[in-house]
Amino acid sequence: MAARVGLSTASVSLVLRGVPGPSERTRQRVLKAAADLGYQVDRTASALASRRSRILGVMVDIHRPFHAELVEHLHTAAEEVGYDLVLSTQTRTRDEHTAVETLLAFRSEALILLGPTAPAAALAALDNRTPVIAVGRRIADAALDVVRTADDDGVGQIVDHLVELGHREIVYVDGGKGVIATDRRRGYRTAMRRRGLDDHIRILAGDHTEAAGERAARKLLDGDSLPTAVLTYNDQSAIGVLAALARAGVAVPGEVSVAGYDDDALSRLSCFNLTTVSQNAEEQARYAVTAAVKRLDQDRTEPREVVLTPHLVVRGTTAAPA
């Protein structure tokens, strides 16, 4: 192939391994020649020869649409710097520890963990084995890289939006246990108090699923009166609320406004058109890959936390109370 494109074997090798250095013109010449010849890189052989896999391991919860968006952007960001991804999933029967060990077995050079729930000490110990980047979760006093948005601020933005529309009876459907749920719950309480609505604070049990949102909505429907607005831990829970209210004939936003959190792909569908908060999945993914590369290729050792500002996305499920 080197003779075909008139380049040295070393230059061709750099392009095929995705290593920075060759010009864009050179890269395109080599890739075109490789495609014409039907050439495919033997990643296993390359990894063995270089003693590097150039693989970033990503742990993902398959039940969370927002994680799917993050993975898509992680792939793009990793490819741009010559890395590839291996995914390992969490399911109802496959825990976080198993998912992580699988990533290590595939020679992942760094781990990007989406919404990890393990204790901070366990994550710090894991970081001693291989660089860890925790995405989406605040980790206090842990010596590892973190990329997240300010969840309490995001929830506060929704509360402010609803209050400015004229709502006072704003119910929050909780996200259950964990640091992310704690931060969002705190954001709701703080914003309600800041707005002088201490007496109107009401939190219903929930989690990250549509079923939890439906259960919370049914509890509200069984009560003496409905609140004018419902804010949920995430978009999936909000969609459950919307479904239950629709079955009961309650107009949204005419009778009850509903807002979620995450701005995942479902929230943007015209059938939901959900007011929510965007965490900017693309930006989080780029920061996460950058953190991994700086640990692996630039010998950075000190941990860093990147906290991004979320932003409110107003759609069709919120309006002034009737």
Protein backbone atom coordinates (compact mmCIF):
# COMPACT_ATOMS: atom_id res chain seq x y z
CA MET A 1 0.00 0.00 0.00
CA ALA A 2 2.89 2.38 0.77
CA ALA A 3 4.13 2.06 -2.81
CA ARG A 4 0.61 2.64 -4.16
CA VAL A 5 0.30 6.04 -2.47
CA GLY A 6 3.98 6.99 -2.73
CA LEU A 7 4.53 7.29 1.00
CA SER A 8 6.78 5.64 3.53
CA THR A 9 5.58 2.57 5.40
CA ALA A 10 5.84 4.55 8.64
CA SER A 11 3.51 7.29 7.37
CA VAL A 12 0.93 4.75 6.20
CA SER A 13 1.14 3.00 9.54
CA LEU A 14 0.49 6.23 11.42
CA VAL A 15 -2.65 6.91 9.40
CA LEU A 16 -4.02 3.38 9.74
CA ARG A 17 -3.45 3.43 13.51
CA GLY A 18 -5.16 6.79 13.84
CA VAL A 19 -2.09 8.45 15.31
CA PRO A 20 -1.92 12.26 14.97
CA GLY A 21 0.83 13.63 12.72
CA PRO A 22 0.12 13.06 9.03
CA SER A 23 -1.67 15.87 7.19
CA GLU A 24 -5.34 15.60 6.31
CA ARG A 25 -4.43 15.23 2.62
CA THR A 26 -2.07 12.35 3.40
CA ARG A 27 -4.65 10.72 5.64
CA GLN A 28 -7.31 10.84 2.91
CA ARG A 29 -4.90 9.36 0.32
CA VAL A 30 -4.07 6.44 2.60
CA LEU A 31 -7.66 5.79 3.60
CA LYS A 32 -8.82 5.84 -0.03
CA ALA A 33 -6.10 3.38 -1.02
CA ALA A 34 -7.02 1.15 1.91
CA ALA A 35 -10.67 1.18 0.86
CA ASP A 36 -9.78 0.42 -2.78
CA LEU A 37 -7.68 -2.55 -1.64
CA GLY A 38 -10.28 -3.77 0.85
CA TYR A 39 -7.74 -3.39 3.63
CA GLN A 40 -8.89 -3.69 7.24
CA VAL A 41 -6.77 -2.91 10.28
CA ASP A 42 -6.04 -5.92 12.48
CA ARG A 43 -6.65 -4.16 15.78
CA THR A 44 -5.57 -7.12 17.86
CA ALA A 45 -2.22 -7.43 16.11
CA SER A 46 -1.68 -3.68 16.26
CA ALA A 47 -2.43 -3.62 19.97
CA LEU A 48 -0.07 -6.48 20.69
CA ALA A 49 2.70 -4.88 18.68
CA SER A 50 2.36 -1.49 20.34
CA ARG A 51 1.44 -2.81 23.80
CA ARG A 52 -1.46 -0.38 23.64
CA SER A 53 -5.08 -1.16 22.87
CA ARG A 54 -6.18 2.48 22.33
CA ILE A 55 -9.54 1.39 23.68
CA LEU A 56 -11.70 3.40 26.06
CA GLY A 57 -14.12 1.27 28.03
CA VAL A 58 -17.59 2.73 28.54
CA MET A 59 -20.10 1.48 31.10
CA VAL A 60 -23.69 2.25 30.09
CA ASP A 61 -27.14 1.57 31.53
CA ILE A 62 -29.19 0.27 28.60
CA HIS A 63 -32.44 1.43 30.19
CA ARG A 64 -31.49 5.11 30.04
CA PRO A 65 -32.01 6.90 26.71
CA PHE A 66 -29.67 9.71 27.75
CA HIS A 67 -26.81 7.22 28.06
CA ALA A 68 -27.38 6.15 24.45
CA GLU A 69 -26.91 9.75 23.33
CA LEU A 70 -23.74 10.05 25.37
CA VAL A 71 -22.33 6.89 23.76
CA GLU A 72 -22.97 8.24 20.27
CA HIS A 73 -21.03 11.41 21.03
CA LEU A 74 -18.30 9.48 22.86
CA HIS A 75 -17.71 7.42 19.71
CA THR A 76 -17.27 10.56 17.62
CA ALA A 77 -14.95 12.23 20.13
CA ALA A 78 -12.84 9.08 20.56
CA GLU A 79 -12.43 8.48 16.83
CA GLU A 80 -11.18 12.03 16.35
CA VAL A 81 -8.21 11.33 18.62
CA GLY A 82 -7.45 7.81 17.38
CA TYR A 83 -9.24 5.79 20.05
CA ASP A 84 -12.07 3.29 19.87
CA LEU A 85 -14.73 2.32 22.40
CA VAL A 86 -15.79 -0.94 24.00
CA LEU A 87 -19.19 -0.91 25.71
CA SER A 88 -20.27 -2.92 28.71
CA THR A 89 -23.85 -2.73 29.89
CA GLN A 90 -25.64 -2.60 33.17
CA THR A 91 -28.97 -4.38 33.22
CA ARG A 92 -31.41 -5.50 35.89
CA THR A 93 -29.39 -8.70 36.24
CA ARG A 94 -25.89 -7.38 35.48
CA ASP A 95 -24.37 -5.08 38.07
CA GLU A 96 -21.83 -2.29 37.83
CA HIS A 97 -18.91 -4.39 39.09
CA THR A 98 -19.44 -7.02 36.38
CA ALA A 99 -19.71 -4.36 33.70
CA VAL A 100 -16.43 -2.77 34.81
CA GLU A 101 -14.54 -6.06 35.02
CA THR A 102 -15.62 -6.86 31.47
CA LEU A 103 -14.18 -3.57 30.25
CA LEU A 104 -10.88 -4.31 31.97
CA ALA A 105 -10.80 -7.78 30.42
CA PHE A 106 -10.96 -6.15 26.99
CA ARG A 107 -7.79 -4.18 27.79
CA SER A 108 -9.51 -0.81 28.13
CA GLU A 109 -6.84 1.80 28.77
CA ALA A 110 -9.27 4.09 30.59
CA LEU A 111 -12.82 3.74 31.86
CA ILE A 112 -15.63 6.20 31.18
CA LEU A 113 -18.42 5.33 33.59
CA LEU A 114 -21.84 6.83 32.89
CA GLY A 115 -23.68 7.60 36.11
CA PRO A 116 -21.72 5.19 38.34
CA THR A 117 -23.32 4.30 41.67
CA ALA A 118 -20.37 2.62 43.41
CA PRO A 119 -19.05 4.31 46.58
CA ALA A 120 -16.47 7.03 46.02
CA ALA A 121 -13.78 4.94 47.74
CA ALA A 122 -14.41 2.03 45.38
CA LEU A 123 -14.16 4.30 42.34
CA ALA A 124 -10.93 5.81 43.66
CA ALA A 125 -9.48 2.33 44.16
CA LEU A 126 -10.48 1.44 40.60
CA ASP A 127 -8.73 4.59 39.38
CA ASN A 128 -5.52 3.26 40.90
CA ARG A 129 -5.76 0.34 38.44
CA THR A 130 -6.66 2.37 35.35
CA PRO A 131 -7.79 5.97 34.76
CA VAL A 132 -11.47 6.48 35.56
CA ILE A 133 -13.70 9.29 34.30
CA ALA A 134 -17.07 9.46 36.04
CA VAL A 135 -19.71 11.14 33.91
CA GLY A 136 -22.84 12.74 35.33
CA ARG A 137 -22.24 12.21 39.03
CA ARG A 138 -20.74 14.42 41.70
CA ILE A 139 -18.04 12.57 43.67
CA ALA A 140 -16.91 14.41 46.75
CA ASP A 141 -13.21 14.20 47.68
CA ALA A 142 -12.48 11.35 45.27
CA ALA A 143 -9.17 11.30 43.42
CA LEU A 144 -10.54 10.71 39.92
CA ASP A 145 -11.80 12.73 36.97
CA VAL A 146 -15.44 13.85 36.93
CA VAL A 147 -17.49 15.40 34.12
CA ARG A 148 -20.99 16.45 35.08
CA THR A 149 -23.58 19.18 34.96
CA ALA A 150 -24.80 21.15 37.96
CA ASP A 151 -27.94 19.09 38.63
CA ASP A 152 -29.20 21.26 41.47
CA ASP A 153 -28.95 24.34 39.25
CA GLY A 154 -30.80 22.57 36.43
CA VAL A 155 -33.74 21.66 38.64
CA GLY A 156 -33.72 25.19 40.02
CA GLN A 157 -34.10 26.53 36.48
CA ILE A 158 -37.27 24.47 36.01
CA VAL A 159 -38.72 25.62 39.33
CA ASP A 160 -37.98 29.24 38.41
CA HIS A 161 -39.65 28.74 35.01
CA LEU A 162 -42.79 27.29 36.60
CA VAL A 163 -42.98 29.97 39.29
CA GLU A 164 -42.60 32.72 36.70
CA LEU A 165 -45.53 31.19 34.83
CA GLY A 166 -47.56 31.55 38.02
CA HIS A 167 -47.34 28.08 39.59
CA ARG A 168 -47.09 27.57 43.33
CA GLU A 169 -48.32 23.98 43.78
CA ILE A 170 -45.27 22.29 42.24
CA VAL A 171 -44.79 18.61 43.09
CA TYR A 172 -41.46 16.84 42.60
CA VAL A 173 -41.26 13.15 41.66
CA ASP A 174 -38.01 11.88 43.15
CA GLY A 175 -35.29 9.76 41.56
CA GLY A 176 -34.66 7.37 44.44
CA LYS A 177 -31.25 6.72 45.97
CA GLY A 178 -27.89 7.92 44.73
CA VAL A 179 -25.90 11.12 44.44
CA ILE A 180 -27.58 12.38 41.25
CA ALA A 181 -31.04 11.94 42.75
CA THR A 182 -29.88 13.65 45.94
CA ASP A 183 -28.54 16.67 44.05
CA ARG A 184 -31.71 17.09 42.00
CA ARG A 185 -33.92 16.72 45.08
CA ARG A 186 -31.85 19.33 46.86
CA GLY A 187 -32.15 21.62 43.86
CA TYR A 188 -35.95 21.40 44.05
CA ARG A 189 -36.07 22.17 47.76
CA THR A 190 -33.57 25.02 47.49
CA ALA A 191 -35.38 26.66 44.59
CA MET A 192 -38.80 26.36 46.25
CA ARG A 193 -37.45 27.98 49.42
CA ARG A 194 -35.72 30.70 47.45
CA ARG A 195 -39.07 31.48 45.87
CA GLY A 196 -40.81 31.61 49.25
CA LEU A 197 -42.69 28.36 48.65
CA ASP A 198 -41.49 26.37 51.66
CA ASP A 199 -45.04 25.36 52.58
CA HIS A 200 -45.66 24.02 49.08
CA ILE A 201 -42.71 21.60 48.97
CA ARG A 202 -43.99 18.10 48.21
CA ILE A 203 -41.83 15.17 47.11
CA LEU A 204 -43.21 11.85 45.89
CA ALA A 205 -41.19 8.63 45.82
CA GLY A 206 -39.95 7.58 42.39
CA ASP A 207 -37.01 6.43 40.31
CA HIS A 208 -35.76 6.82 36.73
CA THR A 209 -38.49 4.78 35.00
CA GLU A 210 -41.77 5.55 33.23
CA ALA A 211 -43.49 3.21 35.69
CA ALA A 212 -42.40 5.38 38.62
CA GLY A 213 -43.85 8.44 36.93
CA GLU A 214 -47.14 6.64 36.36
CA ARG A 215 -47.33 5.55 40.00
CA ALA A 216 -46.70 9.08 41.20
CA ALA A 217 -49.33 10.49 38.86
CA ARG A 218 -51.89 7.94 40.03
CA LYS A 219 -51.23 8.98 43.62
CA LEU A 220 -51.87 12.59 42.67
CA LEU A 221 -55.04 11.62 40.80
CA ASP A 222 -56.31 9.76 43.87
CA GLY A 223 -55.83 12.84 46.07
CA ASP A 224 -58.29 15.61 46.83
CA SER A 225 -56.86 17.98 44.24
CA LEU A 226 -54.16 18.04 41.60
CA PRO A 227 -51.14 20.32 41.77
CA THR A 228 -50.78 22.79 38.92
CA ALA A 229 -47.32 21.47 38.01
CA VAL A 230 -45.28 18.27 38.28
CA LEU A 231 -41.49 18.19 37.96
CA THR A 232 -39.75 14.83 37.69
CA TYR A 233 -36.27 13.42 38.23
CA ASN A 234 -35.82 12.66 34.53
CA ASP A 235 -37.61 12.57 31.18
CA GLN A 236 -38.57 8.90 31.45
CA SER A 237 -40.42 9.55 34.68
CA ALA A 238 -42.08 12.62 33.14
CA ILE A 239 -43.32 10.52 30.22
CA GLY A 240 -44.90 8.15 32.74
CA VAL A 241 -46.67 11.11 34.34
CA LEU A 242 -47.91 12.28 30.94
CA ALA A 243 -49.25 8.81 30.14
CA ALA A 244 -51.19 8.53 33.41
CA LEU A 245 -52.64 12.03 33.11
CA ALA A 246 -53.70 11.39 29.51
CA ARG A 247 -55.54 8.20 30.49
CA ALA A 248 -57.33 10.14 33.21
CA GLY A 249 -58.38 12.85 30.77
CA VAL A 250 -56.26 15.55 32.44
CA ALA A 251 -55.09 18.17 29.94
CA VAL A 252 -51.39 19.01 29.78
CA PRO A 253 -50.51 21.85 30.11
CA GLY A 254 -54.09 23.13 30.39
CA GLU A 255 -54.74 21.61 33.81
CA VAL A 256 -51.30 20.40 34.89
CA SER A 257 -47.88 21.43 33.58
CA VAL A 258 -45.21 18.70 33.44
CA ALA A 259 -41.42 19.02 33.16
CA GLY A 260 -38.61 16.45 33.06
CA TYR A 261 -34.82 16.44 33.08
CA ASP A 262 -32.15 15.25 30.58
CA ASP A 263 -33.55 16.37 27.20
CA ASP A 264 -33.25 12.84 25.87
CA ALA A 265 -34.43 11.80 22.40
CA LEU A 266 -37.92 10.83 23.59
CA SER A 267 -38.58 14.25 25.11
CA ARG A 268 -38.12 15.84 21.67
CA LEU A 269 -40.74 13.69 19.94
CA SER A 270 -43.79 15.69 18.89
CA CYS A 271 -46.08 13.33 20.82
CA PHE A 272 -44.39 14.40 24.07
CA ASN A 273 -42.83 17.81 23.29
CA LEU A 274 -41.58 17.86 26.86
CA THR A 275 -40.22 20.87 28.72
CA THR A 276 -36.96 19.68 30.25
CA VAL A 277 -33.34 20.54 31.04
CA SER A 278 -30.51 19.80 28.61
CA GLN A 279 -27.26 18.40 29.98
CA ASN A 280 -25.52 18.85 26.61
CA ALA A 281 -24.53 15.24 25.93
CA GLU A 282 -22.06 16.19 23.20
CA GLU A 283 -20.10 18.55 25.45
CA GLN A 284 -19.99 16.04 28.30
CA ALA A 285 -18.73 13.35 25.93
CA ARG A 286 -15.95 15.54 24.56
CA TYR A 287 -14.76 16.54 28.01
CA ALA A 288 -14.80 12.90 29.12
CA VAL A 289 -12.69 11.71 26.17
CA THR A 290 -10.33 14.66 26.57
CA ALA A 291 -9.84 13.78 30.23
CA ALA A 292 -9.03 10.17 29.32
CA VAL A 293 -6.53 11.18 26.64
CA LYS A 294 -4.77 13.63 28.96
CA ARG A 295 -4.38 10.89 31.54
CA LEU A 296 -3.14 8.35 28.99
CA ASP A 297 -1.09 10.40 26.53
CA GLN A 298 -0.10 13.54 28.42
CA ASP A 299 0.73 11.96 31.80
CA ARG A 300 -1.69 14.10 33.77
CA THR A 301 -2.06 12.58 37.23
CA GLU A 302 -4.03 15.09 39.29
CA PRO A 303 -7.83 14.61 39.19
CA ARG A 304 -10.03 17.28 37.67
CA GLU A 305 -13.74 18.00 37.87
CA VAL A 306 -15.55 19.69 35.00
CA VAL A 307 -18.96 21.08 35.97
CA LEU A 308 -21.07 22.23 33.03
CA THR A 309 -24.09 24.53 33.27
CA PRO A 310 -27.34 22.87 32.15
CA HIS A 311 -29.99 24.91 30.38
CA LEU A 312 -33.76 24.94 30.33
CA VAL A 313 -35.55 23.78 27.18
CA VAL A 314 -39.13 25.07 27.10
CA ARG A 315 -41.53 23.04 24.99
CA GLY A 316 -45.24 22.35 25.02
CA THR A 317 -45.91 20.72 28.39
CA THR A 318 -45.67 23.84 30.55
CA ALA A 319 -47.91 26.91 30.57
CA ALA A 320 -49.47 29.34 33.01
CA PRO A 321 -51.95 27.69 35.39
CA ALA A 322 -55.60 27.92 34.41
